[in-house]
Amino acid sequence: MKKILLSIAILVAVAMLVLSTFGVKLMDKSMNPVVAHEPYNISPEAALLHASLVVGDWHADTALWNRDMQGRHSFGHVDLARMQEGNLGLQMFTTVTKSPAGQNYESNEAGTHDNITMLAIAQLWPISTWTSLSERALYQAQKVNDLAFERPDDFTVILSKSDVAKWQLERASNPDFAAGLIGTEGSHALDGELGNIDVLYDAGFRMMSLQHFFDNALGGSLHGTEQTGLTDFGKKAVAIMQAKDIIIDVSHSSEASVADVLAQSTKPIVVSHTGFKGHCDTLRNISDGLMIQIADAGGLIAVGFWPDAVCGTSAEKVVEAIEYGVSLVGADHVSLGSDFDGTVETSFDASEMALLTHTMLERKMPEEVIRKVMGGNMLRFLTENLPD
């Protein structure tokens, strides 16, 4: 009997290893595709301008996947090599900790089967991550911190205003020097404990979104069942986060939750990946009126690269959304929020960010506006709002 049990255990272990190595890779490839295309033709003018830009993106879920963040991959959207190729100097890496089965933009029950639990098991993450959302966030954050440790001449993690200044100084002599920041995709990552804000902060988290695809302890999601605002727990969490200079991200929050954050907030907030409803009328985008309020309070709206945000995948559709946003809220309040590696299809990856610069120039966007949207606004916002 012992030999039979041992054989079964070995077979299960081998099956898990095969699933982790090949199955998840296939899943990553299929869920984070780039539209097949010939190499993009970037004009010399656009290439020269792009090389001079600070390029920054507010949202990528790359740490969710068992993909070496150092090496260049032929699938997915982001890794260090492709960041350097695309002059993507600033990248917010967000940590996904729960995703409901049947995930959709209309209505999701909070207690439904969780896709990320199965993904954590399939990828052979530590057992602690199988049951704890906080541990999942911490595990993904460690991947970003490990990249900085392993490649100190190429990558750093930004935690403070002084880190931003150091990165800029280093980048002046090393244009390939990239930087990452760490955020949550929904604050169910707190596991219902306000004390976990300190735990995540100490691990390097400097942005926290409040909701994802379902209502949670902090309040209503744009894709939940109740469309409620912030709970008392959520209001306490927001106050603690802002006291620690953690940036609040209201992507996926219900309109009532966004309104509650704006009413309470003492600092500018971010919508890290979105579109504008007046440009692309989908269930993913909140009202233009709320976007104006966010901008009026000094916030940033980061435009995504996928169909439900901008009604297409092409660079033209992304730039159309950017142009709409600049017209609606002003050039100082629009940024980039790709949602790279967030189970979305895009027309370009991190190595091809120059395509946006090229398209903006083709559409006669002023250079000053291009510089702001491509990353200048993000750099300014971090310089003004990260901890001292």
Protein backbone atom coordinates (compact mmCIF):
# COMPACT_ATOMS: atom_id res chain seq x y z
CA MET A 1 0.00 0.00 0.00
CA LYS A 2 2.83 2.39 0.88
CA LYS A 3 4.43 1.82 -2.52
CA ILE A 4 1.10 2.54 -4.23
CA LEU A 5 0.63 5.77 -2.25
CA LEU A 6 4.21 6.79 -3.00
CA SER A 7 3.67 6.14 -6.72
CA ILE A 8 0.48 8.20 -6.67
CA ALA A 9 2.27 11.03 -4.88
CA ILE A 10 5.07 10.97 -7.46
CA LEU A 11 2.58 11.00 -10.34
CA VAL A 12 0.71 13.94 -8.78
CA ALA A 13 3.99 15.81 -8.27
CA VAL A 14 5.05 15.20 -11.86
CA ALA A 15 1.63 16.27 -13.14
CA MET A 16 1.82 19.47 -11.10
CA LEU A 17 5.31 20.19 -12.40
CA VAL A 18 4.18 19.69 -16.01
CA LEU A 19 1.13 21.91 -15.43
CA SER A 20 3.29 24.58 -13.80
CA THR A 21 5.91 24.50 -16.56
CA PHE A 22 3.82 24.11 -19.68
CA GLY A 23 0.14 24.57 -18.81
CA VAL A 24 0.53 27.98 -17.19
CA LYS A 25 2.86 29.11 -19.99
CA LEU A 26 0.17 28.23 -22.53
CA MET A 27 -2.42 30.03 -20.39
CA ASP A 28 -0.18 33.10 -20.16
CA LYS A 29 0.29 33.09 -23.94
CA SER A 30 -3.42 32.74 -24.65
CA MET A 31 -4.64 35.25 -22.06
CA ASN A 32 -2.07 38.01 -22.70
CA PRO A 33 -1.86 38.11 -26.50
CA VAL A 34 -0.45 40.78 -28.79
CA VAL A 35 -2.22 41.12 -32.12
CA ALA A 36 0.00 39.59 -34.82
CA HIS A 37 1.62 42.30 -36.90
CA GLU A 38 4.60 43.16 -39.04
CA PRO A 39 7.22 45.40 -37.37
CA TYR A 40 5.80 48.87 -36.91
CA ASN A 41 7.28 51.66 -39.01
CA ILE A 42 8.35 54.39 -36.60
CA SER A 43 9.33 57.68 -38.22
CA PRO A 44 12.83 59.04 -37.46
CA GLU A 45 11.20 62.09 -35.86
CA ALA A 46 9.10 59.92 -33.56
CA ALA A 47 12.04 57.66 -32.68
CA LEU A 48 14.17 60.68 -31.73
CA LEU A 49 11.40 62.21 -29.63
CA HIS A 50 10.56 58.90 -27.95
CA ALA A 51 14.17 58.37 -26.92
CA SER A 52 14.06 61.72 -25.12
CA LEU A 53 10.87 61.00 -23.18
CA VAL A 54 10.19 59.77 -19.69
CA VAL A 55 7.73 56.95 -20.42
CA GLY A 56 5.60 55.68 -17.57
CA ASP A 57 2.73 53.24 -17.17
CA TRP A 58 0.43 52.93 -14.17
CA HIS A 59 -0.73 49.33 -14.45
CA ALA A 60 0.76 45.94 -15.37
CA ASP A 61 -0.10 42.56 -13.83
CA THR A 62 3.15 40.89 -14.90
CA ALA A 63 4.00 39.62 -11.41
CA LEU A 64 0.91 37.39 -11.50
CA TRP A 65 2.61 35.06 -13.98
CA ASN A 66 5.49 32.60 -13.61
CA ARG A 67 7.52 34.46 -16.21
CA ASP A 68 11.11 35.49 -15.52
CA MET A 69 10.91 39.28 -15.40
CA GLN A 70 14.55 39.63 -16.50
CA GLY A 71 14.60 37.80 -19.82
CA ARG A 72 12.97 38.81 -23.08
CA HIS A 73 9.89 36.70 -23.82
CA SER A 74 8.01 36.13 -27.06
CA PHE A 75 4.65 36.19 -25.28
CA GLY A 76 2.88 38.42 -22.81
CA HIS A 77 3.55 42.13 -22.63
CA VAL A 78 6.23 43.15 -20.12
CA ASP A 79 9.68 42.10 -18.97
CA LEU A 80 12.82 44.09 -18.22
CA ALA A 81 14.33 43.57 -21.68
CA ARG A 82 11.20 44.83 -23.40
CA MET A 83 10.90 47.77 -21.00
CA GLN A 84 14.41 48.81 -22.00
CA GLU A 85 13.72 48.34 -25.70
CA GLY A 86 10.60 50.48 -25.49
CA ASN A 87 12.13 53.15 -23.22
CA LEU A 88 9.50 52.28 -20.62
CA GLY A 89 11.26 53.81 -17.65
CA LEU A 90 8.54 53.76 -14.99
CA GLN A 91 6.23 50.79 -14.49
CA MET A 92 3.68 50.27 -11.72
CA PHE A 93 3.44 46.52 -11.09
CA THR A 94 0.06 45.65 -9.61
CA THR A 95 -0.65 42.47 -7.65
CA VAL A 96 -3.78 40.45 -8.45
CA THR A 97 -5.04 38.42 -5.50
CA LYS A 98 -8.62 37.36 -6.30
CA SER A 99 -10.68 37.00 -9.46
CA PRO A 100 -14.19 35.50 -9.49
CA ALA A 101 -15.14 32.63 -11.76
CA GLY A 102 -17.10 33.90 -14.75
CA GLN A 103 -15.53 37.33 -14.30
CA ASN A 104 -17.43 40.00 -16.24
CA TYR A 105 -18.08 43.74 -16.26
CA GLU A 106 -21.76 43.45 -15.31
CA SER A 107 -22.09 41.70 -11.95
CA ASN A 108 -19.86 39.38 -9.88
CA GLU A 109 -20.56 37.73 -6.54
CA ALA A 110 -17.74 38.17 -4.03
CA GLY A 111 -17.96 34.61 -2.75
CA THR A 112 -17.77 32.75 -6.06
CA HIS A 113 -14.96 30.36 -6.95
CA ASP A 114 -11.65 32.21 -7.12
CA ASN A 115 -9.50 31.84 -10.24
CA ILE A 116 -6.32 33.10 -8.56
CA THR A 117 -6.35 30.30 -5.97
CA MET A 118 -6.18 27.75 -8.77
CA LEU A 119 -3.50 29.78 -10.57
CA ALA A 120 -1.39 30.01 -7.40
CA ILE A 121 -1.57 26.23 -6.95
CA ALA A 122 -0.88 25.53 -10.62
CA GLN A 123 2.17 27.82 -10.55
CA LEU A 124 3.46 26.10 -7.39
CA TRP A 125 3.39 29.26 -5.32
CA PRO A 126 4.09 28.85 -1.58
CA ILE A 127 1.27 27.12 0.30
CA SER A 128 0.69 30.28 2.35
CA THR A 129 -0.55 32.02 -0.83
CA TRP A 130 -3.22 29.39 -1.42
CA THR A 131 -5.41 30.73 1.39
CA SER A 132 -4.16 34.27 2.15
CA LEU A 133 -4.76 37.20 -0.20
CA SER A 134 -2.14 39.26 1.64
CA GLU A 135 0.44 36.52 1.12
CA ARG A 136 -0.40 36.49 -2.60
CA ALA A 137 0.24 40.22 -2.82
CA LEU A 138 3.49 39.91 -0.87
CA TYR A 139 4.69 37.02 -3.05
CA GLN A 140 4.13 38.98 -6.24
CA ALA A 141 5.77 42.07 -4.77
CA GLN A 142 8.85 40.01 -3.92
CA LYS A 143 9.30 39.23 -7.62
CA VAL A 144 9.65 42.95 -8.33
CA ASN A 145 11.99 43.46 -5.39
CA ASP A 146 14.06 40.44 -6.48
CA LEU A 147 14.46 41.95 -9.95
CA ALA A 148 15.98 45.07 -8.40
CA PHE A 149 18.32 42.91 -6.29
CA GLU A 150 19.40 40.74 -9.22
CA ARG A 151 19.77 43.56 -11.77
CA PRO A 152 20.81 46.65 -9.76
CA ASP A 153 22.44 48.31 -12.79
CA ASP A 154 19.26 47.98 -14.84
CA PHE A 155 16.32 48.23 -12.45
CA THR A 156 15.30 49.76 -9.14
CA VAL A 157 12.17 49.88 -7.00
CA ILE A 158 10.90 53.35 -6.13
CA LEU A 159 9.59 53.90 -2.61
CA SER A 160 9.96 57.63 -2.01
CA LYS A 161 10.43 61.05 -3.56
CA SER A 162 14.18 60.76 -3.06
CA ASP A 163 14.15 57.43 -4.93
CA VAL A 164 12.55 59.20 -7.89
CA ALA A 165 15.32 61.79 -7.85
CA LYS A 166 18.01 59.09 -7.62
CA TRP A 167 16.47 57.19 -10.53
CA GLN A 168 16.41 60.34 -12.67
CA LEU A 169 20.06 61.04 -11.83
CA GLU A 170 21.13 57.49 -12.69
CA ARG A 171 19.09 57.50 -15.88
CA ALA A 172 20.93 60.60 -17.12
CA SER A 173 24.04 58.47 -17.64
CA ASN A 174 22.27 55.13 -18.16
CA PRO A 175 19.18 55.58 -20.38
CA ASP A 176 18.26 51.89 -20.00
CA PHE A 177 17.91 52.18 -16.22
CA ALA A 178 14.26 51.32 -15.46
CA ALA A 179 12.21 51.60 -12.31
CA GLY A 180 9.23 49.80 -10.86
CA LEU A 181 6.63 50.59 -8.25
CA ILE A 182 4.31 48.15 -6.49
CA GLY A 183 0.55 48.39 -6.05
CA THR A 184 -2.49 46.25 -5.29
CA GLU A 185 -5.31 45.28 -7.63
CA GLY A 186 -8.05 45.69 -5.04
CA SER A 187 -7.61 46.01 -1.28
CA HIS A 188 -9.20 42.67 -0.49
CA ALA A 189 -5.43 42.02 -0.35
CA LEU A 190 -5.71 43.36 3.21
CA ASP A 191 -7.60 40.19 4.20
CA GLY A 192 -9.95 42.40 6.22
CA GLU A 193 -7.19 43.67 8.52
CA LEU A 194 -6.27 47.37 8.63
CA GLY A 195 -2.91 46.35 10.11
CA ASN A 196 -2.01 44.77 6.80
CA ILE A 197 -1.71 48.24 5.30
CA ASP A 198 1.51 48.59 7.31
CA VAL A 199 2.63 45.10 6.26
CA LEU A 200 2.17 45.86 2.58
CA TYR A 201 3.71 49.33 2.93
CA ASP A 202 6.82 47.81 4.51
CA ALA A 203 7.04 45.40 1.55
CA GLY A 204 7.16 48.33 -0.86
CA PHE A 205 3.53 48.96 -1.79
CA ARG A 206 3.00 52.61 -2.70
CA MET A 207 -0.36 52.42 -4.51
CA MET A 208 -3.47 50.55 -3.44
CA SER A 209 -6.62 50.17 -5.48
CA LEU A 210 -9.74 49.66 -3.40
CA GLN A 211 -11.81 47.18 -5.40
CA HIS A 212 -11.46 44.78 -8.30
CA PHE A 213 -14.26 42.77 -9.93
CA PHE A 214 -16.42 42.29 -6.81
CA ASP A 215 -17.67 44.15 -3.74
CA ASN A 216 -15.29 43.77 -0.81
CA ALA A 217 -14.86 44.87 2.79
CA LEU A 218 -13.94 48.40 1.65
CA GLY A 219 -17.03 48.99 -0.49
CA GLY A 220 -18.72 48.57 -3.83
CA SER A 221 -17.09 47.54 -7.09
CA LEU A 222 -18.11 48.87 -10.49
CA HIS A 223 -18.67 45.21 -11.39
CA GLY A 224 -20.18 44.04 -8.10
CA THR A 225 -23.78 43.35 -7.14
CA GLU A 226 -24.70 46.32 -4.92
CA GLN A 227 -23.10 49.47 -6.42
CA THR A 228 -22.67 50.81 -2.88
CA GLY A 229 -20.08 53.30 -1.69
CA LEU A 230 -17.31 52.96 0.88
CA THR A 231 -17.96 51.05 4.09
CA ASP A 232 -16.76 52.34 7.46
CA PHE A 233 -13.84 49.93 7.08
CA GLY A 234 -13.13 51.37 3.65
CA LYS A 235 -13.15 54.94 4.93
CA LYS A 236 -10.73 53.99 7.71
CA ALA A 237 -8.49 52.25 5.20
CA VAL A 238 -8.42 55.29 2.90
CA ALA A 239 -7.52 57.57 5.83
CA ILE A 240 -4.64 55.30 6.89
CA MET A 241 -3.36 54.90 3.34
CA GLN A 242 -3.31 58.63 2.71
CA ALA A 243 -1.65 59.31 6.07
CA LYS A 244 1.17 57.04 4.87
CA ASP A 245 1.28 58.69 1.42
CA ILE A 246 0.00 55.55 -0.29
CA ILE A 247 -1.61 56.54 -3.60
CA ILE A 248 -5.31 55.64 -3.83
CA ASP A 249 -6.38 53.98 -7.09
CA VAL A 250 -10.12 53.91 -7.86
CA SER A 251 -9.96 51.67 -10.94
CA HIS A 252 -12.83 49.16 -10.74
CA SER A 253 -14.49 51.08 -7.88
CA SER A 254 -18.22 51.77 -8.13
CA GLU A 255 -19.22 55.32 -8.92
CA ALA A 256 -20.56 55.62 -5.35
CA SER A 257 -17.19 54.47 -3.97
CA VAL A 258 -15.34 56.95 -6.18
CA ALA A 259 -17.63 59.75 -4.99
CA ASP A 260 -17.01 58.76 -1.36
CA VAL A 261 -13.24 58.74 -1.90
CA LEU A 262 -13.38 62.20 -3.48
CA ALA A 263 -15.46 63.51 -0.58
CA GLN A 264 -13.01 62.16 1.98
CA SER A 265 -9.69 62.45 0.20
CA THR A 266 -7.02 64.89 1.29
CA LYS A 267 -4.73 64.06 -1.64
CA PRO A 268 -4.96 63.51 -5.40
CA ILE A 269 -6.03 60.05 -6.54
CA VAL A 270 -5.40 57.91 -9.63
CA VAL A 271 -7.48 55.82 -12.01
CA SER A 272 -4.66 53.47 -12.99
CA HIS A 273 -6.22 51.82 -16.07
CA THR A 274 -9.39 52.98 -17.75
CA GLY A 275 -11.04 54.69 -20.69
CA PHE A 276 -13.46 57.61 -20.91
CA LYS A 277 -17.16 56.81 -21.10
CA GLY A 278 -17.80 59.71 -23.47
CA HIS A 279 -15.29 58.20 -25.88
CA CYS A 280 -15.98 54.48 -25.28
CA ASP A 281 -19.36 53.80 -23.67
CA THR A 282 -18.74 50.44 -21.98
CA LEU A 283 -19.46 49.07 -18.51
CA ARG A 284 -15.72 49.31 -17.74
CA ASN A 285 -15.65 53.13 -17.75
CA ILE A 286 -17.10 55.49 -15.14
CA SER A 287 -18.82 58.76 -16.01
CA ASP A 288 -17.02 61.73 -17.49
CA GLY A 289 -18.39 63.82 -14.64
CA LEU A 290 -16.45 61.79 -12.07
CA MET A 291 -13.34 61.96 -14.24
CA ILE A 292 -13.58 65.75 -14.23
CA GLN A 293 -13.90 65.74 -10.43
CA ILE A 294 -10.83 63.50 -10.10
CA ALA A 295 -8.82 65.84 -12.33
CA ASP A 296 -10.11 68.96 -10.55
CA ALA A 297 -8.75 67.45 -7.31
CA GLY A 298 -5.31 67.07 -8.90
CA GLY A 299 -5.69 63.41 -9.88
CA LEU A 300 -4.55 61.43 -12.91
CA ILE A 301 -6.55 59.29 -15.35
CA ALA A 302 -4.44 56.59 -17.01
CA VAL A 303 -5.70 55.36 -20.38
CA GLY A 304 -5.70 51.62 -21.08
CA PHE A 305 -4.73 49.75 -24.23
CA TRP A 306 -7.52 47.13 -24.48
CA PRO A 307 -10.96 47.09 -26.18
CA ASP A 308 -13.22 47.49 -23.15
CA ALA A 309 -11.38 50.68 -22.20
CA VAL A 310 -10.87 52.37 -25.58
CA CYS A 311 -13.15 50.37 -27.92
CA GLY A 312 -10.26 48.82 -29.84
CA THR A 313 -6.65 47.65 -29.57
CA SER A 314 -4.90 49.81 -32.14
CA ALA A 315 -2.58 52.65 -31.22
CA GLU A 316 -5.03 54.95 -33.02
CA LYS A 317 -7.84 53.96 -30.64
CA VAL A 318 -5.60 54.47 -27.61
CA VAL A 319 -4.54 57.89 -28.85
CA GLU A 320 -8.15 58.83 -29.66
CA ALA A 321 -9.01 58.12 -26.02
CA ILE A 322 -6.02 60.18 -24.89
CA GLU A 323 -7.10 63.07 -27.11
CA TYR A 324 -10.62 62.85 -25.71
CA GLY A 325 -9.25 62.87 -22.17
CA VAL A 326 -6.99 65.85 -22.80
CA SER A 327 -9.98 67.74 -24.17
CA LEU A 328 -12.14 66.71 -21.19
CA VAL A 329 -9.81 67.14 -18.20
CA GLY A 330 -6.66 68.85 -19.53
CA ALA A 331 -3.23 67.61 -20.56
CA ASP A 332 -1.91 67.67 -16.97
CA HIS A 333 -4.30 64.91 -15.89
CA VAL A 334 -3.94 62.18 -18.53
CA SER A 335 -1.45 59.33 -18.32
CA LEU A 336 -0.90 55.75 -19.54
CA GLY A 337 -2.41 52.69 -17.85
CA SER A 338 -1.92 49.78 -20.23
CA ASP A 339 -3.23 46.84 -18.16
CA PHE A 340 -0.37 44.88 -19.72
CA ASP A 341 -0.42 41.19 -18.70
CA GLY A 342 -3.88 41.67 -17.21
CA THR A 343 -5.52 39.03 -19.42
CA VAL A 344 -6.11 41.56 -22.19
CA GLU A 345 -5.26 41.68 -25.89
CA THR A 346 -3.18 44.62 -27.11
CA SER A 347 -1.69 45.65 -30.44
CA PHE A 348 1.78 46.29 -29.03
CA ASP A 349 3.87 45.32 -26.02
CA ALA A 350 6.31 47.18 -23.77
CA SER A 351 9.04 47.06 -26.41
CA GLU A 352 6.84 48.94 -28.88
CA MET A 353 5.83 51.97 -26.83
CA ALA A 354 7.32 54.24 -29.51
CA LEU A 355 4.25 53.39 -31.59
CA LEU A 356 2.20 55.67 -29.34
CA THR A 357 4.66 58.54 -29.79
CA HIS A 358 4.61 57.97 -33.55
CA THR A 359 0.80 57.94 -33.64
CA MET A 360 0.52 61.08 -31.52
CA LEU A 361 2.88 62.93 -33.83
CA GLU A 362 0.96 61.73 -36.87
CA ARG A 363 -2.21 63.12 -35.31
CA LYS A 364 -0.48 66.48 -34.74
CA MET A 365 -0.47 66.31 -30.97
CA PRO A 366 1.85 69.02 -29.56
CA GLU A 367 5.19 67.76 -28.26
CA GLU A 368 4.52 69.31 -24.85
CA VAL A 369 1.32 67.26 -24.50
CA ILE A 370 3.06 64.07 -25.70
CA ARG A 371 5.75 64.51 -23.05
CA LYS A 372 3.15 64.92 -20.31
CA VAL A 373 0.92 62.01 -21.30
CA MET A 374 3.69 59.53 -22.08
CA GLY A 375 5.20 59.86 -18.62
CA GLY A 376 5.83 63.42 -17.55
CA ASN A 377 2.56 63.57 -15.61
CA MET A 378 3.33 60.28 -13.86
CA LEU A 379 6.81 61.47 -12.92
CA ARG A 380 5.43 64.73 -11.55
CA PHE A 381 2.67 62.96 -9.62
CA LEU A 382 5.13 60.56 -7.97
CA THR A 383 7.52 63.39 -7.14
CA GLU A 384 4.69 65.28 -5.44
CA ASN A 385 2.81 62.46 -3.73
CA LEU A 386 5.15 59.64 -2.68
CA PRO A 387 6.44 59.57 0.92
CA ASP A 388 9.33 61.87 1.77
